[in-house]
Amino acid sequence: MDKTAAPWDAHPMPESSLVDSVVKAGPRFDSVMEQCVVTLRHVAEYELEPAINQRMRDLGERKESLSPEEHTELMSLVSFGEKRAIEKLEAQAALQSLGETLPGLLN
C-alpha cells in the first residue's frame, strides 16, 4: 500500500458497487453517514484528560530520576498520547475529505 494513501484507500470499492450499495440503502444511508460524522467528530475533537497530561508532564520533568515502574508508565502514557493524536489527525482528515466530497453532509 502507498504510504501516503489513507487507510480507507487500501481496498477501494468499485464505483458501480458503491453507487449500487448507496441506492439500495436508501434513507438509511443518510442515517449511517450521520452516525459516521458524529463518531469522526468525537475522535477529531478528543483531548487527553487533564490528569493524564499532568502525570505525563510530571514524569517527563523527572525522567532522569524515574524508577523503572515510573519509566514504564511514562512510555505507556506517551505511546497512548501519540496513538490518540494520530487518530485525531486521521479523523480530521476524513471529515475534511467528506466535506469536500459531500458538502451538505457536515452541516
N, C-alpha and C. Protein backbone atom coordinates (compact mmCIF):
# COMPACT_ATOMS: atom_id res chain seq x y z
N MET A 1 0.85 -1.18 0.00
CA MET A 1 0.00 0.00 0.00
C MET A 1 0.89 1.24 0.00
N ASP A 2 0.48 2.24 -0.70
CA ASP A 2 1.18 3.52 -0.76
C ASP A 2 1.19 4.15 0.62
N LYS A 3 2.37 4.55 1.11
CA LYS A 3 2.47 5.11 2.47
C LYS A 3 1.75 6.44 2.61
N THR A 4 1.49 7.13 1.51
CA THR A 4 0.77 8.40 1.58
C THR A 4 -0.74 8.21 1.47
N ALA A 5 -1.18 7.01 1.13
CA ALA A 5 -2.61 6.75 0.99
C ALA A 5 -3.26 6.64 2.37
N ALA A 6 -4.49 7.06 2.44
CA ALA A 6 -5.25 6.93 3.69
C ALA A 6 -5.62 5.47 3.91
N PRO A 7 -5.78 5.05 5.18
CA PRO A 7 -6.10 3.65 5.47
C PRO A 7 -7.34 3.16 4.74
N TRP A 8 -8.33 4.05 4.56
CA TRP A 8 -9.57 3.63 3.91
C TRP A 8 -9.41 3.46 2.40
N ASP A 9 -8.25 3.86 1.84
CA ASP A 9 -7.99 3.70 0.41
C ASP A 9 -7.36 2.35 0.09
N ALA A 10 -7.08 1.52 1.08
CA ALA A 10 -6.36 0.27 0.89
C ALA A 10 -7.10 -0.67 -0.07
N HIS A 11 -8.40 -0.77 0.09
CA HIS A 11 -9.21 -1.66 -0.75
C HIS A 11 -10.44 -0.91 -1.23
N PRO A 12 -10.26 0.02 -2.16
CA PRO A 12 -11.41 0.80 -2.60
C PRO A 12 -12.45 -0.08 -3.29
N MET A 13 -13.71 0.24 -3.04
CA MET A 13 -14.81 -0.47 -3.65
C MET A 13 -15.00 0.09 -5.06
N PRO A 14 -15.25 -0.79 -6.06
CA PRO A 14 -15.51 -0.27 -7.39
C PRO A 14 -16.68 0.72 -7.35
N GLU A 15 -16.58 1.79 -8.14
CA GLU A 15 -17.57 2.86 -8.08
C GLU A 15 -18.99 2.36 -8.32
N SER A 16 -19.17 1.45 -9.26
CA SER A 16 -20.52 0.94 -9.55
C SER A 16 -21.09 0.19 -8.35
N SER A 17 -20.25 -0.57 -7.64
CA SER A 17 -20.71 -1.28 -6.45
C SER A 17 -21.09 -0.31 -5.34
N LEU A 18 -20.31 0.74 -5.20
CA LEU A 18 -20.59 1.74 -4.18
C LEU A 18 -21.92 2.43 -4.47
N VAL A 19 -22.13 2.84 -5.69
CA VAL A 19 -23.37 3.50 -6.06
C VAL A 19 -24.55 2.56 -5.84
N ASP A 20 -24.42 1.31 -6.25
CA ASP A 20 -25.49 0.33 -6.04
C ASP A 20 -25.81 0.18 -4.56
N SER A 21 -24.78 0.13 -3.73
CA SER A 21 -24.98 -0.02 -2.29
C SER A 21 -25.69 1.18 -1.69
N VAL A 22 -25.32 2.39 -2.13
CA VAL A 22 -25.96 3.61 -1.63
C VAL A 22 -27.43 3.63 -2.04
N VAL A 23 -27.70 3.28 -3.28
CA VAL A 23 -29.08 3.27 -3.76
C VAL A 23 -29.91 2.25 -2.98
N LYS A 24 -29.36 1.06 -2.75
CA LYS A 24 -30.08 0.02 -2.01
C LYS A 24 -30.33 0.45 -0.56
N ALA A 25 -29.39 1.18 0.02
CA ALA A 25 -29.53 1.60 1.42
C ALA A 25 -30.65 2.63 1.57
N GLY A 26 -30.88 3.41 0.54
CA GLY A 26 -31.96 4.40 0.56
C GLY A 26 -31.84 5.35 1.72
N PRO A 27 -32.94 5.58 2.45
CA PRO A 27 -32.94 6.55 3.54
C PRO A 27 -31.96 6.20 4.67
N ARG A 28 -31.66 4.92 4.81
CA ARG A 28 -30.72 4.52 5.87
C ARG A 28 -29.34 5.10 5.62
N PHE A 29 -28.99 5.36 4.37
CA PHE A 29 -27.66 5.88 4.05
C PHE A 29 -27.40 7.19 4.79
N ASP A 30 -28.38 8.09 4.77
CA ASP A 30 -28.22 9.37 5.47
C ASP A 30 -27.98 9.16 6.96
N SER A 31 -28.74 8.25 7.54
CA SER A 31 -28.61 7.97 8.97
C SER A 31 -27.23 7.38 9.30
N VAL A 32 -26.79 6.46 8.48
CA VAL A 32 -25.48 5.83 8.70
C VAL A 32 -24.37 6.85 8.54
N MET A 33 -24.46 7.69 7.51
CA MET A 33 -23.44 8.72 7.30
C MET A 33 -23.42 9.71 8.46
N GLU A 34 -24.59 10.05 8.97
CA GLU A 34 -24.66 10.97 10.11
C GLU A 34 -23.98 10.35 11.33
N GLN A 35 -24.18 9.06 11.56
CA GLN A 35 -23.52 8.37 12.67
C GLN A 35 -22.00 8.40 12.48
N CYS A 36 -21.55 8.19 11.25
CA CYS A 36 -20.11 8.22 10.97
C CYS A 36 -19.52 9.60 11.24
N VAL A 37 -20.23 10.64 10.82
CA VAL A 37 -19.76 12.01 11.03
C VAL A 37 -19.69 12.32 12.52
N VAL A 38 -20.71 11.92 13.28
CA VAL A 38 -20.71 12.17 14.73
C VAL A 38 -19.52 11.48 15.38
N THR A 39 -19.28 10.24 15.00
CA THR A 39 -18.16 9.49 15.57
C THR A 39 -16.83 10.12 15.18
N LEU A 40 -16.68 10.48 13.92
CA LEU A 40 -15.44 11.14 13.49
C LEU A 40 -15.23 12.45 14.23
N ARG A 41 -16.29 13.21 14.45
CA ARG A 41 -16.15 14.47 15.19
C ARG A 41 -15.69 14.23 16.62
N HIS A 42 -16.22 13.18 17.26
CA HIS A 42 -15.79 12.86 18.63
C HIS A 42 -14.28 12.58 18.65
N VAL A 43 -13.82 11.79 17.70
CA VAL A 43 -12.40 11.46 17.65
C VAL A 43 -11.58 12.70 17.28
N ALA A 44 -12.07 13.49 16.32
CA ALA A 44 -11.35 14.68 15.86
C ALA A 44 -11.22 15.74 16.95
N GLU A 45 -12.15 15.74 17.91
CA GLU A 45 -12.14 16.76 18.97
C GLU A 45 -11.57 16.23 20.29
N TYR A 46 -11.08 14.99 20.27
CA TYR A 46 -10.61 14.35 21.50
C TYR A 46 -9.44 15.10 22.12
N GLU A 47 -9.47 15.23 23.42
CA GLU A 47 -8.36 15.79 24.19
C GLU A 47 -8.07 14.82 25.34
N LEU A 48 -6.79 14.63 25.63
CA LEU A 48 -6.43 13.80 26.78
C LEU A 48 -6.99 14.42 28.05
N GLU A 49 -7.33 13.57 29.00
CA GLU A 49 -7.80 14.05 30.30
C GLU A 49 -6.70 14.90 30.93
N PRO A 50 -7.06 15.98 31.62
CA PRO A 50 -6.05 16.83 32.27
C PRO A 50 -5.14 16.05 33.22
N ALA A 51 -5.70 15.07 33.93
CA ALA A 51 -4.90 14.28 34.86
C ALA A 51 -3.82 13.48 34.13
N ILE A 52 -4.14 12.99 32.94
CA ILE A 52 -3.15 12.24 32.16
C ILE A 52 -2.05 13.19 31.68
N ASN A 53 -2.45 14.35 31.18
CA ASN A 53 -1.45 15.35 30.76
C ASN A 53 -0.55 15.74 31.91
N GLN A 54 -1.14 15.96 33.07
CA GLN A 54 -0.36 16.36 34.25
C GLN A 54 0.61 15.26 34.66
N ARG A 55 0.14 14.02 34.64
CA ARG A 55 1.00 12.90 35.02
C ARG A 55 2.17 12.76 34.03
N MET A 56 1.88 12.89 32.74
CA MET A 56 2.96 12.83 31.74
C MET A 56 3.96 13.95 31.95
N ARG A 57 3.46 15.15 32.22
CA ARG A 57 4.34 16.30 32.44
C ARG A 57 5.22 16.06 33.67
N ASP A 58 4.61 15.58 34.74
CA ASP A 58 5.35 15.32 35.98
C ASP A 58 6.44 14.27 35.75
N LEU A 59 6.07 13.17 35.12
CA LEU A 59 7.06 12.12 34.87
C LEU A 59 8.14 12.61 33.91
N GLY A 60 7.74 13.37 32.90
CA GLY A 60 8.70 13.88 31.92
C GLY A 60 9.72 14.82 32.54
N GLU A 61 9.27 15.64 33.50
CA GLU A 61 10.17 16.58 34.16
C GLU A 61 11.17 15.86 35.05
N ARG A 62 10.82 14.66 35.49
CA ARG A 62 11.71 13.90 36.38
C ARG A 62 12.33 12.69 35.69
N LYS A 63 12.36 12.69 34.36
CA LYS A 63 12.73 11.47 33.63
C LYS A 63 14.11 10.92 33.97
N GLU A 64 15.03 11.76 34.42
CA GLU A 64 16.36 11.27 34.77
C GLU A 64 16.36 10.47 36.08
N SER A 65 15.35 10.68 36.91
CA SER A 65 15.36 10.02 38.23
C SER A 65 14.16 9.09 38.43
N LEU A 66 13.54 8.65 37.35
CA LEU A 66 12.36 7.78 37.48
C LEU A 66 12.75 6.36 37.87
N SER A 67 11.88 5.75 38.64
CA SER A 67 12.04 4.32 38.92
C SER A 67 11.71 3.56 37.64
N PRO A 68 12.10 2.30 37.56
CA PRO A 68 11.75 1.51 36.36
C PRO A 68 10.24 1.48 36.10
N GLU A 69 9.46 1.40 37.17
CA GLU A 69 7.99 1.38 37.03
C GLU A 69 7.48 2.71 36.48
N GLU A 70 8.03 3.81 36.99
CA GLU A 70 7.62 5.13 36.50
C GLU A 70 8.04 5.34 35.05
N HIS A 71 9.22 4.85 34.69
CA HIS A 71 9.68 4.96 33.31
C HIS A 71 8.74 4.19 32.38
N THR A 72 8.35 3.00 32.78
CA THR A 72 7.40 2.20 32.00
C THR A 72 6.07 2.93 31.88
N GLU A 73 5.61 3.53 32.97
CA GLU A 73 4.37 4.29 32.95
C GLU A 73 4.47 5.47 31.98
N LEU A 74 5.59 6.20 32.04
CA LEU A 74 5.78 7.34 31.15
C LEU A 74 5.76 6.89 29.69
N MET A 75 6.46 5.82 29.37
CA MET A 75 6.50 5.34 27.99
C MET A 75 5.09 4.91 27.53
N SER A 76 4.33 4.30 28.43
CA SER A 76 2.96 3.89 28.09
C SER A 76 2.07 5.10 27.85
N LEU A 77 2.20 6.11 28.70
CA LEU A 77 1.39 7.32 28.53
C LEU A 77 1.76 8.05 27.24
N VAL A 78 3.05 8.13 26.94
CA VAL A 78 3.49 8.78 25.71
C VAL A 78 2.95 8.02 24.50
N SER A 79 3.05 6.71 24.52
CA SER A 79 2.54 5.89 23.41
C SER A 79 1.03 6.08 23.25
N PHE A 80 0.31 6.08 24.36
CA PHE A 80 -1.14 6.30 24.33
C PHE A 80 -1.46 7.66 23.72
N GLY A 81 -0.76 8.70 24.16
CA GLY A 81 -0.98 10.04 23.64
C GLY A 81 -0.68 10.15 22.16
N GLU A 82 0.40 9.51 21.73
CA GLU A 82 0.76 9.54 20.31
C GLU A 82 -0.30 8.86 19.46
N LYS A 83 -0.79 7.71 19.92
CA LYS A 83 -1.82 6.99 19.17
C LYS A 83 -3.10 7.83 19.06
N ARG A 84 -3.50 8.46 20.16
CA ARG A 84 -4.71 9.31 20.13
C ARG A 84 -4.50 10.50 19.21
N ALA A 85 -3.30 11.07 19.19
CA ALA A 85 -3.02 12.21 18.32
C ALA A 85 -3.11 11.81 16.85
N ILE A 86 -2.60 10.64 16.51
CA ILE A 86 -2.68 10.14 15.13
C ILE A 86 -4.13 9.91 14.75
N GLU A 87 -4.89 9.26 15.64
CA GLU A 87 -6.31 9.02 15.36
C GLU A 87 -7.06 10.34 15.18
N LYS A 88 -6.73 11.32 15.98
CA LYS A 88 -7.37 12.64 15.88
C LYS A 88 -7.09 13.26 14.52
N LEU A 89 -5.83 13.23 14.08
CA LEU A 89 -5.47 13.78 12.77
C LEU A 89 -6.14 13.02 11.63
N GLU A 90 -6.21 11.70 11.75
CA GLU A 90 -6.88 10.90 10.72
C GLU A 90 -8.37 11.24 10.65
N ALA A 91 -9.01 11.41 11.80
CA ALA A 91 -10.43 11.76 11.83
C ALA A 91 -10.65 13.15 11.24
N GLN A 92 -9.76 14.09 11.54
CA GLN A 92 -9.88 15.44 10.97
C GLN A 92 -9.73 15.39 9.44
N ALA A 93 -8.79 14.59 8.96
CA ALA A 93 -8.59 14.45 7.51
C ALA A 93 -9.80 13.79 6.85
N ALA A 94 -10.36 12.78 7.51
CA ALA A 94 -11.54 12.10 6.97
C ALA A 94 -12.73 13.06 6.91
N LEU A 95 -12.92 13.86 7.95
CA LEU A 95 -14.00 14.85 7.93
C LEU A 95 -13.79 15.88 6.82
N GLN A 96 -12.57 16.30 6.63
CA GLN A 96 -12.29 17.26 5.56
C GLN A 96 -12.61 16.64 4.20
N SER A 97 -12.20 15.39 4.00
CA SER A 97 -12.49 14.71 2.73
C SER A 97 -13.99 14.54 2.52
N LEU A 98 -14.70 14.16 3.58
CA LEU A 98 -16.15 14.03 3.46
C LEU A 98 -16.79 15.37 3.12
N GLY A 99 -16.34 16.43 3.75
CA GLY A 99 -16.88 17.76 3.49
C GLY A 99 -16.63 18.22 2.06
N GLU A 100 -15.47 17.86 1.53
CA GLU A 100 -15.15 18.23 0.15
C GLU A 100 -15.93 17.37 -0.85
N THR A 101 -16.15 16.11 -0.50
CA THR A 101 -16.83 15.18 -1.40
C THR A 101 -18.35 15.33 -1.34
N LEU A 102 -18.86 15.48 -0.12
CA LEU A 102 -20.31 15.61 0.11
C LEU A 102 -20.56 16.86 0.94
N PRO A 103 -20.51 18.04 0.33
CA PRO A 103 -20.56 19.31 1.07
C PRO A 103 -21.71 19.45 2.08
N GLY A 104 -22.87 18.93 1.78
CA GLY A 104 -24.00 19.09 2.69
C GLY A 104 -23.98 18.16 3.89
N LEU A 105 -23.08 17.18 3.87
CA LEU A 105 -23.06 16.15 4.91
C LEU A 105 -22.66 16.69 6.29
N LEU A 106 -21.76 17.65 6.35
CA LEU A 106 -21.23 18.09 7.63
C LEU A 106 -22.05 19.21 8.27
N ASN A 107 -23.10 19.64 7.65
CA ASN A 107 -23.93 20.73 8.22
C ASN A 107 -24.89 20.20 9.23
